[in-house]
Amino acid sequence: MIWLRLSSAVLARMRFAYSPLAETAKSLHMINSGAIHPLHRGWYERVRSDLGRVDRELLRAVVPPGGCIAEFMFVGATATTTTIEQQLQLVAGWPLEQFVSELAEARRGVGPSAAARRLVDLGADGPPRVADALFQYWRVAVAPYWPQLRAVLDADIAYRVGKLAQGGIAELMHDLHPSIELTEHAIRVASLAEGDVDGGGLTLVPCVFIWPHLWVESGLAGEPSLTYGARGIGALWQDGDGDTEEEDALGALLGRTRAEILVSLRLPRSTTDLARSLGLTPPTISSHLAILRRSGLVTCWRSGRRVLYQRTGVASTIVAACGYDNGDGRTAASRTLVGSYGQARRRDPSDLRFPRRPERA
């Protein structure tokens, strides 16, 4: 059983954050274990041919098949603007003794490997080597799909904030995960592990690839965090083609471009996201969004520096009535326009290193 103590300080500093590193770690664990969840099969089929461009042997040493995931793979999520580079800076500078200990813990039950021994033998160069390998994998397998993942995370937080407004912290925690129970002074997490965490805050981290599991990070590099499965991943990787006549019906009603925008807004997206996915310029997208918003078909709100748009309930009814909301948020026509959207740009693996801070004189 794990206890996350709730004090006034914790409640005052509770917030949401995104973790590109957690998405990297959990998707890598799924691949290395050879247990691709059916919900993520579409993603795996897209990336599998590119996995030969990363250091699979080293990554299997760090995230072993059948083993656990080192806790340093979940650190550094502090805001919804957290980047993979920020998190990998922490990994690269991880204390060597702690790095070796967590690596051994991750391999408990699966035994040592030659790659793991070589990694430990590198000494202080081991953590930076792992950070580089993780960045290679991120660039190939996760970064090309980050806008889609982020849209799911944005929608999850919008839902959770609504729950918080309706019924406070109890309502927020109610359906976060089946293993979570809110008591009078703590969050209790049913787990084989034992822990009592009493930090100065708590960060809630929605994650696509962790579903249906949960991860509690005790605050090794900051405040404790609770990484949980985001809602709405069921249709994330679907590629079903809509019926052309039905698409033409919605296009005739709204115009082709506005129809594609409306279908794309099943999940929250920014103007830049829409422009990239539909192959249009941001000013064109903004013009159409203004019309859709005045018509009551689109709503928007600010998330940090971004303005997110999502279709309203009325718009969803119209889209569903036309019968071609295929789940991936795009029409067949928009997929034609997009062309190479979501495909990794091929680069030499030696170029795929994350930028480190410059050395101080």
Protein backbone atom coordinates (compact mmCIF):
# COMPACT_ATOMS: atom_id res chain seq x y z
CA MET A 1 0.00 0.00 0.00
CA ILE A 2 1.24 3.49 -0.87
CA TRP A 3 0.03 6.54 1.03
CA LEU A 4 0.20 10.05 -0.41
CA ARG A 5 -0.34 12.39 2.52
CA LEU A 6 -2.66 15.35 1.90
CA SER A 7 -1.87 18.54 3.77
CA SER A 8 -2.93 22.11 3.04
CA ALA A 9 0.47 22.63 1.39
CA VAL A 10 -0.02 19.61 -0.88
CA LEU A 11 -3.51 20.72 -1.90
CA ALA A 12 -2.31 24.27 -2.52
CA ARG A 13 0.43 23.04 -4.89
CA MET A 14 -1.49 20.25 -6.64
CA ARG A 15 -1.31 20.67 -10.40
CA PHE A 16 -1.28 18.84 -13.73
CA ALA A 17 1.75 18.20 -15.92
CA TYR A 18 2.72 16.27 -19.03
CA SER A 19 5.64 13.85 -19.16
CA PRO A 20 7.15 13.12 -22.57
CA LEU A 21 9.65 10.91 -20.74
CA ALA A 22 6.89 8.78 -19.19
CA GLU A 23 5.34 8.28 -22.64
CA THR A 24 8.79 7.26 -23.88
CA ALA A 25 9.42 4.85 -21.00
CA LYS A 26 6.04 3.14 -21.04
CA SER A 27 5.87 2.73 -24.82
CA LEU A 28 9.42 1.34 -24.79
CA HIS A 29 8.52 -1.10 -22.01
CA MET A 30 5.56 -2.31 -24.07
CA ILE A 31 7.77 -2.90 -27.12
CA ASN A 32 10.60 -4.58 -25.20
CA SER A 33 8.15 -6.87 -23.43
CA GLY A 34 6.61 -7.92 -26.74
CA ALA A 35 3.14 -7.24 -25.35
CA ILE A 36 1.65 -4.59 -27.63
CA HIS A 37 -1.74 -3.63 -26.27
CA PRO A 38 -4.45 -3.87 -28.96
CA LEU A 39 -5.24 -0.17 -28.44
CA HIS A 40 -1.69 0.72 -29.47
CA ARG A 41 -1.28 -1.78 -32.30
CA GLY A 42 -1.85 0.94 -34.91
CA TRP A 43 0.97 3.04 -33.44
CA TYR A 44 3.34 0.07 -33.28
CA GLU A 45 2.76 -0.83 -36.92
CA ARG A 46 3.71 2.73 -37.87
CA VAL A 47 6.97 2.84 -35.91
CA ARG A 48 8.29 -0.74 -35.99
CA SER A 49 10.26 -0.32 -39.23
CA ASP A 50 12.14 2.66 -37.74
CA LEU A 51 13.14 0.97 -34.48
CA GLY A 52 16.30 -0.40 -36.11
CA ARG A 53 17.67 3.16 -36.02
CA VAL A 54 17.88 3.22 -32.21
CA ASP A 55 20.15 1.42 -29.76
CA ARG A 56 17.76 -1.42 -28.91
CA GLU A 57 20.37 -3.40 -26.94
CA LEU A 58 21.09 -0.52 -24.56
CA LEU A 59 17.41 0.33 -24.23
CA ARG A 60 16.59 -3.28 -23.36
CA ALA A 61 19.24 -3.09 -20.64
CA VAL A 62 17.56 -0.01 -19.15
CA VAL A 63 13.96 -1.11 -19.74
CA PRO A 64 14.24 -4.91 -19.64
CA PRO A 65 11.56 -7.26 -20.99
CA GLY A 66 9.59 -8.56 -18.04
CA GLY A 67 11.33 -6.19 -15.67
CA CYS A 68 10.36 -2.89 -14.09
CA ILE A 69 11.06 0.69 -15.09
CA ALA A 70 13.67 2.70 -13.21
CA GLU A 71 12.19 5.58 -11.23
CA PHE A 72 14.41 8.13 -12.96
CA MET A 73 12.28 7.54 -16.08
CA PHE A 74 9.38 9.36 -14.42
CA VAL A 75 11.09 12.45 -13.04
CA GLY A 76 10.90 16.06 -14.11
CA ALA A 77 7.23 16.48 -15.07
CA THR A 78 6.47 19.90 -13.61
CA ALA A 79 4.04 21.55 -16.05
CA THR A 80 2.04 20.96 -19.20
CA THR A 81 4.93 22.62 -21.04
CA THR A 82 7.57 20.13 -19.83
CA THR A 83 9.84 19.02 -22.69
CA ILE A 84 11.74 15.80 -23.24
CA GLU A 85 15.00 17.80 -23.28
CA GLN A 86 14.32 19.13 -19.77
CA GLN A 87 13.61 15.65 -18.44
CA LEU A 88 16.61 14.07 -20.14
CA GLN A 89 18.86 16.72 -18.62
CA LEU A 90 17.86 15.25 -15.25
CA VAL A 91 18.54 11.70 -16.46
CA ALA A 92 21.96 12.68 -17.84
CA GLY A 93 22.93 14.21 -14.50
CA TRP A 94 21.47 11.44 -12.32
CA PRO A 95 23.73 10.55 -9.37
CA LEU A 96 25.77 7.50 -10.32
CA GLU A 97 25.12 5.50 -7.14
CA GLN A 98 21.38 6.07 -7.47
CA PHE A 99 21.51 5.27 -11.19
CA VAL A 100 23.20 1.91 -10.58
CA SER A 101 20.80 1.06 -7.75
CA GLU A 102 17.67 1.86 -9.79
CA LEU A 103 19.03 -0.01 -12.80
CA ALA A 104 19.55 -3.11 -10.61
CA GLU A 105 16.06 -2.75 -9.16
CA ALA A 106 14.56 -2.53 -12.66
CA ARG A 107 16.30 -5.79 -13.59
CA ARG A 108 15.27 -7.66 -10.45
CA GLY A 109 13.84 -11.00 -11.48
CA VAL A 110 15.23 -10.89 -15.03
CA GLY A 111 18.92 -11.07 -14.17
CA PRO A 112 21.96 -9.14 -15.44
CA SER A 113 22.83 -8.58 -19.08
CA ALA A 114 26.07 -7.80 -20.88
CA ALA A 115 24.68 -4.45 -22.02
CA ALA A 116 23.68 -3.53 -18.47
CA ARG A 117 27.15 -4.45 -17.17
CA ARG A 118 28.81 -2.34 -19.86
CA LEU A 119 26.53 0.55 -18.93
CA VAL A 120 27.54 0.34 -15.29
CA ASP A 121 31.22 0.05 -16.28
CA LEU A 122 30.94 3.42 -18.03
CA GLY A 123 30.70 5.05 -14.62
CA ALA A 124 29.68 8.71 -14.79
CA ASP A 125 29.28 8.42 -18.57
CA GLY A 126 26.46 5.89 -18.11
CA PRO A 127 23.52 8.26 -17.42
CA PRO A 128 24.34 10.59 -20.38
CA ARG A 129 24.59 7.52 -22.64
CA VAL A 130 21.12 6.43 -21.53
CA ALA A 131 19.76 9.93 -22.10
CA ASP A 132 21.08 9.92 -25.67
CA ALA A 133 19.55 6.50 -26.39
CA LEU A 134 16.21 7.59 -24.98
CA PHE A 135 16.29 10.72 -27.11
CA GLN A 136 16.94 8.62 -30.23
CA TYR A 137 13.92 6.49 -29.41
CA TRP A 138 11.77 9.56 -28.64
CA ARG A 139 12.61 11.15 -32.00
CA VAL A 140 11.72 7.97 -33.90
CA ALA A 141 8.74 6.54 -32.01
CA VAL A 142 7.03 9.26 -29.96
CA ALA A 143 7.86 12.76 -31.21
CA PRO A 144 6.14 12.35 -34.62
CA TYR A 145 2.87 11.59 -32.79
CA TRP A 146 3.24 14.04 -29.91
CA PRO A 147 0.54 16.42 -31.26
CA GLN A 148 -1.96 13.53 -31.27
CA LEU A 149 -0.89 12.39 -27.81
CA ARG A 150 -1.03 15.95 -26.51
CA ALA A 151 -4.58 16.36 -27.81
CA VAL A 152 -5.65 13.37 -25.71
CA LEU A 153 -3.83 14.78 -22.66
CA ASP A 154 -5.43 18.21 -23.17
CA ALA A 155 -8.88 16.62 -23.31
CA ASP A 156 -8.19 14.58 -20.18
CA ILE A 157 -7.17 17.64 -18.16
CA ALA A 158 -10.22 19.57 -19.38
CA TYR A 159 -12.37 16.70 -18.12
CA ARG A 160 -10.55 16.50 -14.76
CA VAL A 161 -10.82 20.25 -14.19
CA GLY A 162 -14.53 19.98 -14.83
CA LYS A 163 -14.78 17.20 -12.24
CA LEU A 164 -12.84 19.35 -9.77
CA ALA A 165 -15.25 22.24 -10.33
CA GLN A 166 -18.25 19.96 -9.82
CA GLY A 167 -17.25 18.19 -6.63
CA GLY A 168 -13.79 19.17 -5.44
CA ILE A 169 -10.83 16.86 -4.91
CA ALA A 170 -13.07 13.86 -4.12
CA GLU A 171 -14.79 14.11 -7.50
CA LEU A 172 -11.45 14.61 -9.24
CA MET A 173 -10.00 11.42 -7.73
CA HIS A 174 -13.18 9.36 -8.11
CA ASP A 175 -12.39 7.79 -11.50
CA LEU A 176 -8.69 8.57 -11.83
CA HIS A 177 -7.80 4.88 -11.35
CA PRO A 178 -9.53 1.89 -9.68
CA SER A 179 -6.63 1.43 -7.23
CA ILE A 180 -6.97 4.95 -5.82
CA GLU A 181 -9.01 5.67 -2.71
CA LEU A 182 -9.32 9.10 -1.12
CA THR A 183 -9.35 9.06 2.68
CA GLU A 184 -9.67 11.96 5.08
CA HIS A 185 -5.98 12.90 5.08
CA ALA A 186 -4.39 10.89 2.27
CA ILE A 187 -4.67 9.27 -1.13
CA ARG A 188 -4.33 5.51 -0.71
CA VAL A 189 -3.00 3.53 -3.67
CA ALA A 190 -3.48 -0.24 -3.61
CA SER A 191 -0.07 -1.67 -4.49
CA LEU A 192 2.32 -4.50 -3.63
CA ALA A 193 4.89 -1.81 -2.92
CA GLU A 194 4.98 0.01 0.40
CA GLY A 195 5.41 3.73 0.70
CA ASP A 196 4.46 6.80 2.69
CA VAL A 197 4.95 9.99 0.69
CA ASP A 198 4.59 13.37 2.34
CA GLY A 199 5.89 16.00 -0.05
CA GLY A 200 5.25 19.69 -0.51
CA GLY A 201 2.88 19.16 -3.42
CA LEU A 202 1.46 16.59 -5.81
CA THR A 203 1.64 16.56 -9.61
CA LEU A 204 -1.01 14.66 -11.56
CA VAL A 205 0.37 13.38 -14.87
CA PRO A 206 -1.99 11.94 -17.51
CA CYS A 207 -0.21 9.47 -19.80
CA VAL A 208 -1.36 7.64 -22.92
CA PHE A 209 0.94 4.62 -22.84
CA ILE A 210 0.69 3.89 -19.11
CA TRP A 211 -2.97 2.85 -19.36
CA PRO A 212 -4.35 0.77 -17.65
CA HIS A 213 -1.63 1.06 -15.00
CA LEU A 214 -0.60 3.70 -12.49
CA TRP A 215 2.78 4.99 -11.31
CA VAL A 216 3.65 6.81 -8.09
CA GLU A 217 6.94 8.73 -8.19
CA SER A 218 8.11 9.66 -4.71
CA GLY A 219 9.68 13.00 -5.58
CA LEU A 220 13.33 12.13 -6.22
CA ALA A 221 13.85 15.31 -8.24
CA GLY A 222 11.09 17.55 -6.92
CA GLU A 223 7.54 16.97 -5.80
CA PRO A 224 5.81 13.55 -5.86
CA SER A 225 3.79 12.70 -8.93
CA LEU A 226 0.94 10.38 -9.80
CA THR A 227 1.02 9.19 -13.43
CA TYR A 228 -2.30 7.73 -14.58
CA GLY A 229 -3.92 6.59 -17.81
CA ALA A 230 -5.51 9.39 -19.83
CA ARG A 231 -9.08 9.07 -21.05
CA GLY A 232 -9.96 8.79 -24.75
CA ILE A 233 -7.17 6.59 -26.10
CA GLY A 234 -9.54 3.98 -27.57
CA ALA A 235 -9.71 5.60 -31.01
CA LEU A 236 -6.33 7.33 -31.01
CA TRP A 237 -4.64 5.11 -33.61
CA GLN A 238 -7.64 4.13 -35.71
CA ASP A 239 -7.45 4.80 -39.44
CA GLY A 240 -10.93 3.88 -40.60
CA ASP A 241 -11.95 5.46 -43.90
CA GLY A 242 -15.21 7.35 -43.99
CA ASP A 243 -17.83 7.02 -46.70
CA THR A 244 -17.26 9.51 -49.52
CA GLU A 245 -20.92 10.36 -50.01
CA GLU A 246 -21.35 11.04 -46.29
CA GLU A 247 -18.24 13.23 -46.28
CA ASP A 248 -19.62 15.17 -49.23
CA ALA A 249 -22.86 15.73 -47.28
CA LEU A 250 -21.03 17.42 -44.40
CA GLY A 251 -18.83 19.31 -46.85
CA ALA A 252 -21.91 20.55 -48.69
CA LEU A 253 -23.37 21.74 -45.39
CA LEU A 254 -20.33 23.53 -44.01
CA GLY A 255 -17.79 23.69 -46.80
CA ARG A 256 -15.00 21.13 -47.18
CA THR A 257 -12.39 22.95 -45.10
CA ARG A 258 -14.71 23.74 -42.20
CA ALA A 259 -15.97 20.15 -42.28
CA GLU A 260 -12.39 18.83 -41.99
CA ILE A 261 -11.65 21.25 -39.14
CA LEU A 262 -14.79 20.22 -37.27
CA VAL A 263 -14.01 16.52 -37.59
CA SER A 264 -10.42 17.17 -36.46
CA LEU A 265 -11.67 18.88 -33.29
CA ARG A 266 -12.89 15.69 -31.66
CA LEU A 267 -9.97 16.39 -29.30
CA PRO A 268 -8.67 19.86 -28.36
CA ARG A 269 -6.20 21.34 -30.83
CA SER A 270 -4.48 24.65 -31.38
CA THR A 271 -4.48 26.63 -34.62
CA THR A 272 -0.92 25.46 -35.29
CA ASP A 273 -1.86 21.81 -34.73
CA LEU A 274 -4.75 22.10 -37.18
CA ALA A 275 -2.66 23.91 -39.79
CA ARG A 276 0.00 21.21 -39.64
CA SER A 277 -2.42 18.28 -39.80
CA LEU A 278 -4.65 19.68 -42.55
CA GLY A 279 -1.92 21.22 -44.69
CA LEU A 280 -3.31 24.77 -44.44
CA THR A 281 -1.90 28.07 -43.21
CA PRO A 282 -2.64 29.26 -39.64
CA PRO A 283 -4.46 32.43 -40.88
CA THR A 284 -6.78 30.25 -43.00
CA ILE A 285 -7.50 28.00 -40.03
CA SER A 286 -8.13 31.02 -37.77
CA SER A 287 -10.63 32.47 -40.23
CA HIS A 288 -12.63 29.26 -40.39
CA LEU A 289 -12.46 28.77 -36.61
CA ALA A 290 -13.90 32.25 -36.08
CA ILE A 291 -16.91 31.36 -38.24
CA LEU A 292 -17.40 28.00 -36.50
CA ARG A 293 -17.14 29.65 -33.10
CA ARG A 294 -19.72 32.34 -33.96
CA SER A 295 -22.02 29.57 -35.16
CA GLY A 296 -21.79 27.76 -31.81
CA LEU A 297 -19.99 24.76 -33.30
CA VAL A 298 -16.60 25.36 -31.67
CA THR A 299 -15.51 26.47 -28.22
CA CYS A 300 -12.06 27.55 -27.08
CA TRP A 301 -10.02 28.18 -23.95
CA ARG A 302 -6.47 29.10 -23.02
CA SER A 303 -3.99 26.45 -21.82
CA GLY A 304 -0.71 28.12 -20.88
CA ARG A 305 0.45 29.99 -23.98
CA ARG A 306 -1.80 28.04 -26.33
CA VAL A 307 -5.45 28.57 -27.23
CA LEU A 308 -7.20 25.22 -27.68
CA TYR A 309 -10.31 24.63 -29.78
CA GLN A 310 -12.79 21.77 -29.55
CA ARG A 311 -16.14 21.18 -31.16
CA THR A 312 -19.27 21.62 -29.09
CA GLY A 313 -21.94 19.03 -28.33
CA VAL A 314 -24.11 20.38 -31.14
CA ALA A 315 -21.21 20.01 -33.59
CA SER A 316 -20.52 16.46 -32.44
CA THR A 317 -24.17 15.59 -33.08
CA ILE A 318 -23.94 16.97 -36.62
CA VAL A 319 -20.71 15.09 -37.32
CA ALA A 320 -22.14 11.85 -35.93
CA ALA A 321 -25.32 12.27 -37.96
CA CYS A 322 -23.20 12.42 -41.11
CA GLY A 323 -21.62 9.14 -40.05
CA TYR A 324 -17.95 9.70 -40.71
CA ASP A 325 -16.36 10.64 -37.42
CA ASN A 326 -13.91 7.75 -37.71
CA GLY A 327 -12.22 8.14 -34.34
CA ASP A 328 -8.83 9.45 -35.39
CA GLY A 329 -10.20 12.98 -35.75
CA ARG A 330 -9.60 13.19 -39.52
CA THR A 331 -11.58 12.63 -42.69
CA ALA A 332 -10.25 10.58 -45.56
CA ALA A 333 -9.86 13.86 -47.46
CA SER A 334 -7.78 15.36 -44.66
CA ARG A 335 -5.52 12.32 -44.64
CA THR A 336 -4.93 12.87 -48.35
CA LEU A 337 -4.06 16.51 -47.72
CA VAL A 338 -1.81 15.65 -44.82
CA GLY A 339 0.28 13.17 -46.80
CA SER A 340 3.38 12.74 -44.66
CA TYR A 341 1.91 14.12 -41.42
CA GLY A 342 2.89 11.98 -38.46
CA GLN A 343 5.79 10.29 -40.21
CA ALA A 344 9.24 10.48 -38.66
CA ARG A 345 11.79 12.41 -40.66
CA ARG A 346 14.67 10.00 -41.27
CA ARG A 347 17.96 11.07 -39.81
CA ASP A 348 21.24 9.46 -39.00
CA PRO A 349 20.99 8.07 -35.44
CA SER A 350 24.25 9.79 -34.56
CA ASP A 351 22.44 13.12 -35.01
CA LEU A 352 19.69 12.20 -32.57
CA ARG A 353 21.19 13.50 -29.37
CA PHE A 354 19.39 15.86 -27.10
CA PRO A 355 21.00 19.29 -26.58
CA ARG A 356 22.80 19.59 -23.27
CA ARG A 357 23.43 22.75 -21.32
CA PRO A 358 26.70 24.44 -22.29
CA GLU A 359 29.60 23.92 -19.92
CA ARG A 360 30.22 26.81 -17.59
CA ALA A 361 33.62 28.44 -17.69
